[in-house]
PDB file of N, CA and C in Angstrom:
ATOM      1  N   MET A   1     109.725  38.024 109.257  1.00  0.00           N
ATOM      2  CA  MET A   1     108.531  38.626 109.984  1.00  0.00           C
ATOM      3  C   MET A   1     107.177  37.858 110.008  1.00  0.00           C
ATOM      4  N   GLN A   2     106.813  37.856 111.285  1.00  0.00           N
ATOM      5  CA  GLN A   2     105.500  37.111 111.251  1.00  0.00           C
ATOM      6  C   GLN A   2     104.379  37.964 112.001  1.00  0.00           C
ATOM      7  N   ILE A   3     103.130  37.583 111.512  1.00  0.00           N
ATOM      8  CA  ILE A   3     101.954  38.067 112.016  1.00  0.00           C
ATOM      9  C   ILE A   3     101.709  37.541 113.385  1.00  0.00           C
ATOM     10  N   THR A   4     102.038  38.104 114.591  1.00  0.00           N
ATOM     11  CA  THR A   4     101.740  37.435 115.842  1.00  0.00           C
ATOM     12  C   THR A   4     100.297  37.614 116.391  1.00  0.00           C
ATOM     13  N   GLU A   5      99.581  38.743 115.973  1.00  0.00           N
ATOM     14  CA  GLU A   5      98.230  39.051 116.639  1.00  0.00           C
ATOM     15  C   GLU A   5      97.225  39.688 115.582  1.00  0.00           C
ATOM     16  N   VAL A   6      96.199  39.455 115.482  1.00  0.00           N
ATOM     17  CA  VAL A   6      95.276  40.139 114.703  1.00  0.00           C
ATOM     18  C   VAL A   6      93.955  40.236 115.485  1.00  0.00           C
ATOM     19  N   LYS A   7      93.452  41.518 115.597  1.00  0.00           N
ATOM     20  CA  LYS A   7      92.128  41.815 116.185  1.00  0.00           C
ATOM     21  C   LYS A   7      91.266  42.508 114.936  1.00  0.00           C
ATOM     22  N   ILE A   8      90.064  42.010 115.008  1.00  0.00           N
ATOM     23  CA  ILE A   8      89.028  42.466 113.948  1.00  0.00           C
ATOM     24  C   ILE A   8      87.861  43.002 114.792  1.00  0.00           C
ATOM     25  N   PHE A   9      87.499  44.262 114.303  1.00  0.00           N
ATOM     26  CA  PHE A   9      86.341  44.880 115.010  1.00  0.00           C
ATOM     27  C   PHE A   9      85.216  44.978 113.819  1.00  0.00           C
ATOM     28  N   LEU A  10      84.244  44.269 113.939  1.00  0.00           N
ATOM     29  CA  LEU A  10      83.223  44.357 113.029  1.00  0.00           C
ATOM     30  C   LEU A  10      82.552  45.826 112.952  1.00  0.00           C
ATOM     31  N   LYS A  11      82.157  46.235 111.796  1.00  0.00           N
ATOM     32  CA  LYS A  11      81.515  47.697 111.772  1.00  0.00           C
ATOM     33  C   LYS A  11      79.916  47.376 111.214  1.00  0.00           C
ATOM     34  N   GLU A  12      79.146  47.997 111.921  1.00  0.00           N
ATOM     35  CA  GLU A  12      77.819  47.823 111.536  1.00  0.00           C
ATOM     36  C   GLU A  12      77.252  49.259 111.448  1.00  0.00           C
ATOM     37  N   GLY A  13      76.477  49.673 110.372  1.00  0.00           N
ATOM     38  CA  GLY A  13      75.870  50.924 110.639  1.00  0.00           C
ATOM     39  C   GLY A  13      75.471  51.472 108.992  1.00  0.00           C
ATOM     40  N   GLN A  14      75.529  52.740 108.729  1.00  0.00           N
ATOM     41  CA  GLN A  14      74.989  53.167 107.597  1.00  0.00           C
ATOM     42  C   GLN A  14      75.973  52.860 106.297  1.00  0.00           C
ATOM     43  N   ASP A  15      77.263  52.862 106.464  1.00  0.00           N
ATOM     44  CA  ASP A  15      78.132  52.571 105.484  1.00  0.00           C
ATOM     45  C   ASP A  15      78.182  51.393 105.211  1.00  0.00           C
ATOM     46  N   LYS A  16      77.475  50.632 104.258  1.00  0.00           N
ATOM     47  CA  LYS A  16      77.586  49.315 104.007  1.00  0.00           C
ATOM     48  C   LYS A  16      78.782  48.578 103.431  1.00  0.00           C
ATOM     49  N   LYS A  17      79.526  49.283 102.896  1.00  0.00           N
ATOM     50  CA  LYS A  17      80.814  48.967 102.095  1.00  0.00           C
ATOM     51  C   LYS A  17      81.992  48.527 103.076  1.00  0.00           C
ATOM     52  N   LEU A  18      82.085  49.490 104.132  1.00  0.00           N
ATOM     53  CA  LEU A  18      82.880  49.085 105.274  1.00  0.00           C
ATOM     54  C   LEU A  18      82.486  48.062 106.231  1.00  0.00           C
ATOM     55  N   LYS A  19      83.234  46.818 106.103  1.00  0.00           N
ATOM     56  CA  LYS A  19      82.695  45.715 106.888  1.00  0.00           C
ATOM     57  C   LYS A  19      83.417  45.702 108.272  1.00  0.00           C
ATOM     58  N   ALA A  20      84.709  46.198 108.364  1.00  0.00           N
ATOM     59  CA  ALA A  20      85.607  45.788 109.590  1.00  0.00           C
ATOM     60  C   ALA A  20      86.782  46.663 109.704  1.00  0.00           C
ATOM     61  N   TYR A  21      87.302  47.075 110.870  1.00  0.00           N
ATOM     62  CA  TYR A  21      88.587  47.439 111.106  1.00  0.00           C
ATOM     63  C   TYR A  21      89.407  46.456 111.619  1.00  0.00           C
ATOM     64  N   ALA A  22      90.738  46.511 111.616  1.00  0.00           N
ATOM     65  CA  ALA A  22      91.617  45.545 112.076  1.00  0.00           C
ATOM     66  C   ALA A  22      92.748  46.023 112.484  1.00  0.00           C
ATOM     67  N   THR A  23      93.454  45.392 113.646  1.00  0.00           N
ATOM     68  CA  THR A  23      94.807  45.735 114.071  1.00  0.00           C
ATOM     69  C   THR A  23      95.757  44.538 114.000  1.00  0.00           C
ATOM     70  N   LEU A  24      96.716  45.002 113.508  1.00  0.00           N
ATOM     71  CA  LEU A  24      97.754  43.740 113.037  1.00  0.00           C
ATOM     72  C   LEU A  24      99.213  44.036 113.903  1.00  0.00           C
ATOM     73  N   THR A  25      99.777  43.032 114.448  1.00  0.00           N
ATOM     74  CA  THR A  25     100.900  43.077 115.210  1.00  0.00           C
ATOM     75  C   THR A  25     101.894  42.089 114.564  1.00  0.00           C
ATOM     76  N   PHE A  26     103.108  42.688 114.322  1.00  0.00           N
ATOM     77  CA  PHE A  26     104.055  41.582 113.536  1.00  0.00           C
ATOM     78  C   PHE A  26     105.230  41.724 114.744  1.00  0.00           C
ATOM     79  N   ASP A  27     105.779  40.298 114.837  1.00  0.00           N
ATOM     80  CA  ASP A  27     106.882  40.047 115.811  1.00  0.00           C
ATOM     81  C   ASP A  27     106.605  40.530 117.128  1.00  0.00           C
ATOM     82  N   ASN A  28     105.455  40.747 117.700  1.00  0.00           N
ATOM     83  CA  ASN A  28     105.154  41.080 119.163  1.00  0.00           C
ATOM     84  C   ASN A  28     105.620  42.855 119.289  1.00  0.00           C
ATOM     85  N   MET A  29     105.851  43.396 118.187  1.00  0.00           N
ATOM     86  CA  MET A  29     106.275  44.749 118.357  1.00  0.00           C
ATOM     87  C   MET A  29     105.870  45.794 117.496  1.00  0.00           C
ATOM     88  N   PHE A  30     105.639  45.494 116.414  1.00  0.00           N
ATOM     89  CA  PHE A  30     105.295  46.547 115.390  1.00  0.00           C
ATOM     90  C   PHE A  30     103.663  46.418 115.026  1.00  0.00           C
ATOM     91  N   VAL A  31     103.050  47.357 115.364  1.00  0.00           N
ATOM     92  CA  VAL A  31     101.479  47.487 115.154  1.00  0.00           C
ATOM     93  C   VAL A  31     100.907  48.350 114.341  1.00  0.00           C
ATOM     94  N   VAL A  32     100.050  47.766 113.424  1.00  0.00           N
ATOM     95  CA  VAL A  32      99.374  48.694 112.374  1.00  0.00           C
ATOM     96  C   VAL A  32      97.977  48.815 112.812  1.00  0.00           C
ATOM     97  N   ARG A  33      97.488  49.765 112.992  1.00  0.00           N
ATOM     98  CA  ARG A  33      95.922  49.976 113.359  1.00  0.00           C
ATOM     99  C   ARG A  33      95.221  50.648 112.273  1.00  0.00           C
ATOM    100  N   ASN A  34      93.961  50.537 112.452  1.00  0.00           N
ATOM    101  CA  ASN A  34      92.912  51.245 111.367  1.00  0.00           C
ATOM    102  C   ASN A  34      93.065  50.614 110.046  1.00  0.00           C
ATOM    103  N   VAL A  35      93.424  49.417 109.866  1.00  0.00           N
ATOM    104  CA  VAL A  35      93.478  48.809 108.597  1.00  0.00           C
ATOM    105  C   VAL A  35      91.869  48.446 108.239  1.00  0.00           C
ATOM    106  N   LYS A  36      91.313  48.698 107.101  1.00  0.00           N
ATOM    107  CA  LYS A  36      89.970  48.690 106.850  1.00  0.00           C
ATOM    108  C   LYS A  36      89.854  47.431 105.987  1.00  0.00           C
ATOM    109  N   VAL A  37      88.487  46.814 106.192  1.00  0.00           N
ATOM    110  CA  VAL A  37      88.207  45.673 105.309  1.00  0.00           C
ATOM    111  C   VAL A  37      86.986  46.177 104.753  1.00  0.00           C
ATOM    112  N   ILE A  38      86.953  46.332 103.243  1.00  0.00           N
ATOM    113  CA  ILE A  38      86.089  46.969 102.410  1.00  0.00           C
ATOM    114  C   ILE A  38      85.394  46.111 101.401  1.00  0.00           C
ATOM    115  N   GLU A  39      84.287  46.082 101.175  1.00  0.00           N
ATOM    116  CA  GLU A  39      83.554  45.336 100.012  1.00  0.00           C
ATOM    117  C   GLU A  39      83.567  46.200  98.914  1.00  0.00           C
ATOM    118  N   GLY A  40      84.256  45.754  97.791  1.00  0.00           N
ATOM    119  CA  GLY A  40      84.125  46.421  96.456  1.00  0.00           C
ATOM    120  C   GLY A  40      83.535  45.587  95.587  1.00  0.00           C
ATOM    121  N   ASN A  41      83.339  46.071  94.226  1.00  0.00           N
ATOM    122  CA  ASN A  41      82.755  45.509  93.105  1.00  0.00           C
ATOM    123  C   ASN A  41      83.253  43.970  93.001  1.00  0.00           C
ATOM    124  N   LYS A  42      84.535  43.614  93.152  1.00  0.00           N
ATOM    125  CA  LYS A  42      84.919  42.263  92.796  1.00  0.00           C
ATOM    126  C   LYS A  42      85.125  41.486  94.086  1.00  0.00           C
ATOM    127  N   GLY A  43      84.660  41.968  95.366  1.00  0.00           N
ATOM    128  CA  GLY A  43      84.932  41.179  96.386  1.00  0.00           C
ATOM    129  C   GLY A  43      85.519  42.010  97.676  1.00  0.00           C
ATOM    130  N   LEU A  44      85.992  41.212  98.654  1.00  0.00           N
ATOM    131  CA  LEU A  44      86.528  42.058  99.870  1.00  0.00           C
ATOM    132  C   LEU A  44      87.998  42.529  99.354  1.00  0.00           C
ATOM    133  N   PHE A  45      88.326  43.726  99.980  1.00  0.00           N
ATOM    134  CA  PHE A  45      89.931  44.109  99.938  1.00  0.00           C
ATOM    135  C   PHE A  45      90.151  44.721 101.151  1.00  0.00           C
ATOM    136  N   VAL A  46      91.418  44.961 101.424  1.00  0.00           N
ATOM    137  CA  VAL A  46      92.112  45.366 102.657  1.00  0.00           C
ATOM    138  C   VAL A  46      92.715  46.790 102.058  1.00  0.00           C
ATOM    139  N   ALA A  47      92.244  47.861 102.968  1.00  0.00           N
ATOM    140  CA  ALA A  47      92.740  48.934 102.675  1.00  0.00           C
ATOM    141  C   ALA A  47      93.810  49.560 103.839  1.00  0.00           C
ATOM    142  N   MET A  48      95.094  49.947 103.598  1.00  0.00           N
ATOM    143  CA  MET A  48      96.043  50.016 104.525  1.00  0.00           C
ATOM    144  C   MET A  48      95.806  51.632 105.129  1.00  0.00           C
ATOM    145  N   PRO A  49      96.098  51.994 106.406  1.00  0.00           N
ATOM    146  CA  PRO A  49      95.790  53.350 106.990  1.00  0.00           C
ATOM    147  C   PRO A  49      96.610  54.331 106.036  1.00  0.00           C
ATOM    148  N   SER A  50      95.905  55.405 106.035  1.00  0.00           N
ATOM    149  CA  SER A  50      96.751  56.609 105.219  1.00  0.00           C
ATOM    150  C   SER A  50      97.761  57.437 105.993  1.00  0.00           C
ATOM    151  N   ARG A  51      97.916  57.179 107.414  1.00  0.00           N
ATOM    152  CA  ARG A  51      99.011  57.895 108.177  1.00  0.00           C
ATOM    153  C   ARG A  51      99.790  57.006 108.640  1.00  0.00           C
TER     154      ARG A  51
END
């Protein structure tokens, strides 16, 4: 399985911890939307969508 496309949408606004949303495409057919890039106490981390 390969990641074939990554789209990053930077987030600006009141919530300072949420830095961006991302959409990932695997093998040109499986898409995961609403992946969050969040700044934590120890640096950036990725949160997968809950649904």
